[in-house]
Amino acid sequence: MDIQFPEFEIFAPKVEAAWSALQQRYANRLTEAELDYLFACLVLGLTSPAYGEGKPSLHFDVCRALVAMKLPPDRADAALHSVPAPTEPWVESLREQLESQSARMGQTLLDMRNFNDDAAADAVSGAPSRPVNSEDKAA
């Protein structure tokens, strides 16, 4: 799915890194469906600070686009629409932890982006204006 949203560039690198970390750490301990589901939950947490208070359909589309960066369409849909039966008792607590940590990371990314936007706006508004000379005033 090709969706454009303003925060894509701040979330995409984190999504890439998160998928790699999940693969390295849990691929040999969990089923593919569990791993995909955990990834989708992590993406949900990461994007919640930016989209959680808005239209749910937009937030879902954002999550789908980010999950689809790493998963084929059928696996992305399954990860977003179903909860696999856990094969290990600790999977649910891991899901909660991942979602919570990624929400904090998403808030930090959003705060950093807003800070950078504010700093850029301040720099533009604080730029020296063209000096006004007496000839311009007389014209």
C-alpha atoms as a PDB file:
ATOM      1  CA  MET A   1       0.000   0.000   0.000  1.00  0.00           C
ATOM      2  CA  ASP A   2       1.344   3.387  -0.940  1.00  0.00           C
ATOM      3  CA  ILE A   3       0.193   5.949   1.606  1.00  0.00           C
ATOM      4  CA  GLN A   4       1.736   9.318   2.191  1.00  0.00           C
ATOM      5  CA  PHE A   5       1.724  10.836   5.641  1.00  0.00           C
ATOM      6  CA  PRO A   6       3.914  13.537   7.102  1.00  0.00           C
ATOM      7  CA  GLU A   7       5.621  11.519   9.825  1.00  0.00           C
ATOM      8  CA  PHE A   8       6.679   8.637   7.565  1.00  0.00           C
ATOM      9  CA  GLU A   9      10.287   9.791   7.412  1.00  0.00           C
ATOM     10  CA  ILE A  10      10.633   9.829  11.200  1.00  0.00           C
ATOM     11  CA  PHE A  11       9.007   6.420  11.755  1.00  0.00           C
ATOM     12  CA  ALA A  12      10.406   4.424   8.828  1.00  0.00           C
ATOM     13  CA  PRO A  13      13.990   4.079  10.140  1.00  0.00           C
ATOM     14  CA  LYS A  14      12.714   2.966  13.550  1.00  0.00           C
ATOM     15  CA  VAL A  15      10.419   0.412  11.913  1.00  0.00           C
ATOM     16  CA  GLU A  16      13.358  -0.981   9.946  1.00  0.00           C
ATOM     17  CA  ALA A  17      15.489  -1.242  13.083  1.00  0.00           C
ATOM     18  CA  ALA A  18      12.638  -2.737  15.124  1.00  0.00           C
ATOM     19  CA  TRP A  19      12.008  -5.474  12.573  1.00  0.00           C
ATOM     20  CA  SER A  20      15.702  -6.391  12.525  1.00  0.00           C
ATOM     21  CA  ALA A  21      15.863  -6.482  16.326  1.00  0.00           C
ATOM     22  CA  LEU A  22      12.732  -8.640  16.603  1.00  0.00           C
ATOM     23  CA  GLN A  23      14.086 -11.031  13.984  1.00  0.00           C
ATOM     24  CA  GLN A  24      17.460 -11.358  15.673  1.00  0.00           C
ATOM     25  CA  ARG A  25      16.076 -11.792  19.151  1.00  0.00           C
ATOM     26  CA  TYR A  26      12.881 -13.814  18.704  1.00  0.00           C
ATOM     27  CA  ALA A  27      12.804 -15.492  15.268  1.00  0.00           C
ATOM     28  CA  ASN A  28      14.032 -18.810  16.624  1.00  0.00           C
ATOM     29  CA  ARG A  29      11.755 -18.674  19.706  1.00  0.00           C
ATOM     30  CA  LEU A  30       8.381 -17.635  18.266  1.00  0.00           C
ATOM     31  CA  THR A  31       6.189 -18.527  15.346  1.00  0.00           C
ATOM     32  CA  GLU A  32       6.143 -16.312  12.278  1.00  0.00           C
ATOM     33  CA  ALA A  33       2.591 -15.210  13.153  1.00  0.00           C
ATOM     34  CA  GLU A  34       3.637 -14.219  16.685  1.00  0.00           C
ATOM     35  CA  LEU A  35       6.639 -12.298  15.410  1.00  0.00           C
ATOM     36  CA  ASP A  36       4.507 -10.482  12.837  1.00  0.00           C
ATOM     37  CA  TYR A  37       1.907  -9.650  15.486  1.00  0.00           C
ATOM     38  CA  LEU A  38       4.527  -8.279  17.876  1.00  0.00           C
ATOM     39  CA  PHE A  39       5.898  -6.177  15.042  1.00  0.00           C
ATOM     40  CA  ALA A  40       2.428  -4.786  14.285  1.00  0.00           C
ATOM     41  CA  CYS A  41       1.918  -3.967  17.986  1.00  0.00           C
ATOM     42  CA  LEU A  42       5.264  -2.211  18.089  1.00  0.00           C
ATOM     43  CA  VAL A  43       4.289  -0.132  15.039  1.00  0.00           C
ATOM     44  CA  LEU A  44       0.950   0.673  16.671  1.00  0.00           C
ATOM     45  CA  GLY A  45       2.739   1.937  19.778  1.00  0.00           C
ATOM     46  CA  LEU A  46       5.273   3.909  17.763  1.00  0.00           C
ATOM     47  CA  THR A  47       2.594   5.733  15.792  1.00  0.00           C
ATOM     48  CA  SER A  48       0.068   6.245  18.599  1.00  0.00           C
ATOM     49  CA  PRO A  49       1.508   9.573  19.812  1.00  0.00           C
ATOM     50  CA  ALA A  50       1.093  11.052  16.327  1.00  0.00           C
ATOM     51  CA  TYR A  51      -2.120   9.343  15.205  1.00  0.00           C
ATOM     52  CA  GLY A  52      -3.803   7.803  18.250  1.00  0.00           C
ATOM     53  CA  GLU A  53      -6.104  10.740  18.918  1.00  0.00           C
ATOM     54  CA  GLY A  54      -7.128  11.186  15.278  1.00  0.00           C
ATOM     55  CA  LYS A  55      -9.274   9.165  12.922  1.00  0.00           C
ATOM     56  CA  PRO A  56      -8.825   5.459  13.683  1.00  0.00           C
ATOM     57  CA  SER A  57      -8.943   4.617   9.972  1.00  0.00           C
ATOM     58  CA  LEU A  58      -6.005   6.951   9.279  1.00  0.00           C
ATOM     59  CA  HIS A  59      -4.000   5.471  12.156  1.00  0.00           C
ATOM     60  CA  PHE A  60      -4.740   1.976  10.851  1.00  0.00           C
ATOM     61  CA  ASP A  61      -3.640   2.984   7.330  1.00  0.00           C
ATOM     62  CA  VAL A  62      -0.404   4.398   8.728  1.00  0.00           C
ATOM     63  CA  CYS A  63       0.239   1.185  10.659  1.00  0.00           C
ATOM     64  CA  ARG A  64      -0.554  -0.915   7.593  1.00  0.00           C
ATOM     65  CA  ALA A  65       1.864   1.096   5.440  1.00  0.00           C
ATOM     66  CA  LEU A  66       4.665   0.772   7.984  1.00  0.00           C
ATOM     67  CA  VAL A  67       4.084  -2.942   8.633  1.00  0.00           C
ATOM     68  CA  ALA A  68       3.970  -3.520   4.860  1.00  0.00           C
ATOM     69  CA  MET A  69       7.500  -2.127   4.626  1.00  0.00           C
ATOM     70  CA  LYS A  70       8.760  -5.422   6.034  1.00  0.00           C
ATOM     71  CA  LEU A  71       5.955  -7.954   5.567  1.00  0.00           C
ATOM     72  CA  PRO A  72       4.226  -9.189   2.431  1.00  0.00           C
ATOM     73  CA  PRO A  73       0.555  -8.113   2.142  1.00  0.00           C
ATOM     74  CA  ASP A  74      -0.969 -11.367   3.414  1.00  0.00           C
ATOM     75  CA  ARG A  75       1.250 -11.451   6.500  1.00  0.00           C
ATOM     76  CA  ALA A  76       0.769  -7.721   7.154  1.00  0.00           C
ATOM     77  CA  ASP A  77      -3.019  -8.134   7.041  1.00  0.00           C
ATOM     78  CA  ALA A  78      -2.880 -11.158   9.341  1.00  0.00           C
ATOM     79  CA  ALA A  79      -0.629  -9.301  11.796  1.00  0.00           C
ATOM     80  CA  LEU A  80      -3.029  -6.360  11.892  1.00  0.00           C
ATOM     81  CA  HIS A  81      -6.272  -8.354  12.069  1.00  0.00           C
ATOM     82  CA  SER A  82      -5.615 -11.368  14.255  1.00  0.00           C
ATOM     83  CA  VAL A  83      -3.969 -12.318  17.509  1.00  0.00           C
ATOM     84  CA  PRO A  84      -2.116 -15.629  17.292  1.00  0.00           C
ATOM     85  CA  ALA A  85      -2.260 -18.052  20.172  1.00  0.00           C
ATOM     86  CA  PRO A  86       0.920 -17.562  22.199  1.00  0.00           C
ATOM     87  CA  THR A  87       3.378 -20.438  22.151  1.00  0.00           C
ATOM     88  CA  GLU A  88       5.181 -19.084  25.205  1.00  0.00           C
ATOM     89  CA  PRO A  89       3.661 -17.650  28.402  1.00  0.00           C
ATOM     90  CA  TRP A  90       5.817 -14.501  28.248  1.00  0.00           C
ATOM     91  CA  VAL A  91       4.635 -13.355  24.800  1.00  0.00           C
ATOM     92  CA  GLU A  92       1.764 -11.226  26.124  1.00  0.00           C
ATOM     93  CA  SER A  93       3.973  -9.376  28.587  1.00  0.00           C
ATOM     94  CA  LEU A  94       6.529  -8.870  25.804  1.00  0.00           C
ATOM     95  CA  ARG A  95       3.782  -7.395  23.609  1.00  0.00           C
ATOM     96  CA  GLU A  96       2.782  -4.956  26.354  1.00  0.00           C
ATOM     97  CA  GLN A  97       6.407  -3.987  26.921  1.00  0.00           C
ATOM     98  CA  LEU A  98       7.122  -3.477  23.216  1.00  0.00           C
ATOM     99  CA  GLU A  99       4.000  -1.409  22.682  1.00  0.00           C
ATOM    100  CA  SER A 100       4.727   0.758  25.727  1.00  0.00           C
ATOM    101  CA  GLN A 101       8.387   1.320  24.875  1.00  0.00           C
ATOM    102  CA  SER A 102       7.605   2.074  21.254  1.00  0.00           C
ATOM    103  CA  ALA A 103       4.922   4.594  22.303  1.00  0.00           C
ATOM    104  CA  ARG A 104       7.537   6.415  24.386  1.00  0.00           C
ATOM    105  CA  MET A 105       9.934   6.320  21.448  1.00  0.00           C
ATOM    106  CA  GLY A 106       7.206   7.625  19.142  1.00  0.00           C
ATOM    107  CA  GLN A 107       6.526  10.507  21.506  1.00  0.00           C
ATOM    108  CA  THR A 108      10.226  11.320  21.664  1.00  0.00           C
ATOM    109  CA  LEU A 109      10.483  11.287  17.864  1.00  0.00           C
ATOM    110  CA  LEU A 110       7.453  13.517  17.569  1.00  0.00           C
ATOM    111  CA  ASP A 111       8.810  15.919  20.202  1.00  0.00           C
ATOM    112  CA  MET A 112      12.162  16.059  18.399  1.00  0.00           C
ATOM    113  CA  ARG A 113      10.454  16.747  15.089  1.00  0.00           C
ATOM    114  CA  ASN A 114       8.305  19.477  16.624  1.00  0.00           C
ATOM    115  CA  PHE A 115      11.399  20.963  18.289  1.00  0.00           C
ATOM    116  CA  ASN A 116      13.255  20.977  14.975  1.00  0.00           C
ATOM    117  CA  ASP A 117      10.241  22.534  13.209  1.00  0.00           C
ATOM    118  CA  ASP A 118       9.988  25.193  15.925  1.00  0.00           C
ATOM    119  CA  ALA A 119      13.728  25.899  15.770  1.00  0.00           C
ATOM    120  CA  ALA A 120      13.567  26.269  11.992  1.00  0.00           C
ATOM    121  CA  ALA A 121      10.593  28.633  12.277  1.00  0.00           C
ATOM    122  CA  ASP A 122      12.421  30.665  14.926  1.00  0.00           C
ATOM    123  CA  ALA A 123      15.495  30.873  12.715  1.00  0.00           C
ATOM    124  CA  VAL A 124      13.429  32.148   9.805  1.00  0.00           C
ATOM    125  CA  SER A 125      11.501  34.655  11.900  1.00  0.00           C
ATOM    126  CA  GLY A 126      14.694  35.797  13.615  1.00  0.00           C
ATOM    127  CA  ALA A 127      16.563  36.313  10.356  1.00  0.00           C
ATOM    128  CA  PRO A 128      17.567  39.894   9.755  1.00  0.00           C
ATOM    129  CA  SER A 129      15.247  41.649   7.388  1.00  0.00           C
ATOM    130  CA  ARG A 130      16.327  43.793   4.492  1.00  0.00           C
ATOM    131  CA  PRO A 131      17.523  47.116   5.847  1.00  0.00           C
ATOM    132  CA  VAL A 132      15.217  49.973   5.055  1.00  0.00           C
ATOM    133  CA  ASN A 133      16.998  53.010   3.719  1.00  0.00           C
ATOM    134  CA  SER A 134      15.617  56.502   3.365  1.00  0.00           C
ATOM    135  CA  GLU A 135      15.325  56.238  -0.428  1.00  0.00           C
ATOM    136  CA  ASP A 136      12.934  53.252  -0.070  1.00  0.00           C
ATOM    137  CA  LYS A 137      10.826  55.180   2.416  1.00  0.00           C
ATOM    138  CA  ALA A 138      10.573  58.190   0.095  1.00  0.00           C
ATOM    139  CA  ALA A 139       9.429  56.124  -2.903  1.00  0.00           C
END
